[in-house]
Amino acid sequence: MVEYEFQVLSFPRETSRGQIRAALAEHAEYGRWELHRTVRYVGGHQRSWLRRKIIRAPRRDDPLGLSRSR
């Protein structure tokens, strides 16, 4: 099962589309986030949810992950 962590970015009404796009692109490029959802509210406020996969490394004493309870 894939697990994700989420981050929420909020942009006020005065923020231009170009500034929002640049902020989202920066998070995607350098933080390895992907866009999950964007909502624009009635007053012009925009909120974007970003997500990225949580990669869990197997334990060193059990490299194949066979002792995990299912």
C-alpha atoms as a PDB file:
ATOM      1  CA  MET A   1       0.000   0.000   0.000  1.00  0.00           C
ATOM      2  CA  VAL A   2       1.350   3.387  -0.965  1.00  0.00           C
ATOM      3  CA  GLU A   3       1.458   6.037   1.752  1.00  0.00           C
ATOM      4  CA  TYR A   4       1.557   9.772   1.101  1.00  0.00           C
ATOM      5  CA  GLU A   5       2.377  12.846   3.122  1.00  0.00           C
ATOM      6  CA  PHE A   6       0.489  16.041   2.362  1.00  0.00           C
ATOM      7  CA  GLN A   7       1.267  19.740   2.411  1.00  0.00           C
ATOM      8  CA  VAL A   8      -1.291  22.517   2.006  1.00  0.00           C
ATOM      9  CA  LEU A   9      -0.419  25.807   0.316  1.00  0.00           C
ATOM     10  CA  SER A  10      -2.784  28.762   0.614  1.00  0.00           C
ATOM     11  CA  PHE A  11      -2.705  31.743  -1.718  1.00  0.00           C
ATOM     12  CA  PRO A  12      -4.529  35.015  -1.089  1.00  0.00           C
ATOM     13  CA  ARG A  13      -6.741  36.593  -3.694  1.00  0.00           C
ATOM     14  CA  GLU A  14      -4.053  39.083  -4.776  1.00  0.00           C
ATOM     15  CA  THR A  15      -1.636  36.339  -5.888  1.00  0.00           C
ATOM     16  CA  SER A  16      -1.357  36.095  -9.672  1.00  0.00           C
ATOM     17  CA  ARG A  17      -1.675  32.812 -11.542  1.00  0.00           C
ATOM     18  CA  GLY A  18       1.962  33.075 -12.573  1.00  0.00           C
ATOM     19  CA  GLN A  19       3.105  33.387  -8.969  1.00  0.00           C
ATOM     20  CA  ILE A  20       0.974  30.411  -7.947  1.00  0.00           C
ATOM     21  CA  ARG A  21       2.301  28.353 -10.839  1.00  0.00           C
ATOM     22  CA  ALA A  22       5.897  29.273  -9.942  1.00  0.00           C
ATOM     23  CA  ALA A  23       5.370  28.310  -6.286  1.00  0.00           C
ATOM     24  CA  LEU A  24       3.808  24.962  -7.215  1.00  0.00           C
ATOM     25  CA  ALA A  25       6.538  24.242  -9.778  1.00  0.00           C
ATOM     26  CA  GLU A  26       9.241  25.018  -7.210  1.00  0.00           C
ATOM     27  CA  HIS A  27       7.724  22.595  -4.697  1.00  0.00           C
ATOM     28  CA  ALA A  28       7.374  19.944  -7.384  1.00  0.00           C
ATOM     29  CA  GLU A  29      10.915  20.320  -8.687  1.00  0.00           C
ATOM     30  CA  TYR A  30      12.882  20.696  -5.468  1.00  0.00           C
ATOM     31  CA  GLY A  31      10.653  19.005  -2.910  1.00  0.00           C
ATOM     32  CA  ARG A  32       9.422  16.182  -5.147  1.00  0.00           C
ATOM     33  CA  TRP A  33       5.775  17.088  -4.456  1.00  0.00           C
ATOM     34  CA  GLU A  34       2.933  16.468  -6.890  1.00  0.00           C
ATOM     35  CA  LEU A  35      -0.320  18.390  -7.139  1.00  0.00           C
ATOM     36  CA  HIS A  36      -3.175  16.485  -5.542  1.00  0.00           C
ATOM     37  CA  ARG A  37      -6.022  19.005  -5.452  1.00  0.00           C
ATOM     38  CA  THR A  38      -6.695  22.707  -5.958  1.00  0.00           C
ATOM     39  CA  VAL A  39      -9.741  24.620  -4.729  1.00  0.00           C
ATOM     40  CA  ARG A  40     -10.606  28.231  -5.502  1.00  0.00           C
ATOM     41  CA  TYR A  41     -13.015  29.722  -2.993  1.00  0.00           C
ATOM     42  CA  VAL A  42     -15.704  32.351  -3.591  1.00  0.00           C
ATOM     43  CA  GLY A  43     -13.589  35.242  -2.293  1.00  0.00           C
ATOM     44  CA  GLY A  44     -10.734  34.378  -4.665  1.00  0.00           C
ATOM     45  CA  HIS A  45      -8.638  32.564  -2.052  1.00  0.00           C
ATOM     46  CA  GLN A  46      -6.946  29.450  -3.473  1.00  0.00           C
ATOM     47  CA  ARG A  47      -5.753  26.398  -1.592  1.00  0.00           C
ATOM     48  CA  SER A  48      -3.637  23.630  -3.122  1.00  0.00           C
ATOM     49  CA  TRP A  49      -2.861  20.232  -1.637  1.00  0.00           C
ATOM     50  CA  LEU A  50       0.457  18.659  -2.567  1.00  0.00           C
ATOM     51  CA  ARG A  51       1.447  15.077  -1.877  1.00  0.00           C
ATOM     52  CA  ARG A  52       4.531  12.891  -2.113  1.00  0.00           C
ATOM     53  CA  LYS A  53       5.129   9.233  -1.534  1.00  0.00           C
ATOM     54  CA  ILE A  54       6.576   8.055   1.735  1.00  0.00           C
ATOM     55  CA  ILE A  55       9.260   5.534   0.912  1.00  0.00           C
ATOM     56  CA  ARG A  56       9.967   3.215   3.787  1.00  0.00           C
ATOM     57  CA  ALA A  57      13.281   1.411   3.728  1.00  0.00           C
ATOM     58  CA  PRO A  58      13.204  -2.241   4.802  1.00  0.00           C
ATOM     59  CA  ARG A  59      14.765  -3.024   8.154  1.00  0.00           C
ATOM     60  CA  ARG A  60      18.402  -4.016   7.985  1.00  0.00           C
ATOM     61  CA  ASP A  61      17.891  -7.288   9.855  1.00  0.00           C
ATOM     62  CA  ASP A  62      15.057  -8.273   7.470  1.00  0.00           C
ATOM     63  CA  PRO A  63      15.964  -6.992   3.976  1.00  0.00           C
ATOM     64  CA  LEU A  64      13.043  -8.714   2.227  1.00  0.00           C
ATOM     65  CA  GLY A  65      10.406  -7.552   4.692  1.00  0.00           C
ATOM     66  CA  LEU A  66       9.245 -11.081   5.434  1.00  0.00           C
ATOM     67  CA  SER A  67       8.681 -10.651   9.166  1.00  0.00           C
ATOM     68  CA  ARG A  68       6.061  -7.921   8.737  1.00  0.00           C
ATOM     69  CA  SER A  69       2.680  -8.794  10.192  1.00  0.00           C
ATOM     70  CA  ARG A  70      -0.102  -8.695   7.600  1.00  0.00           C
END
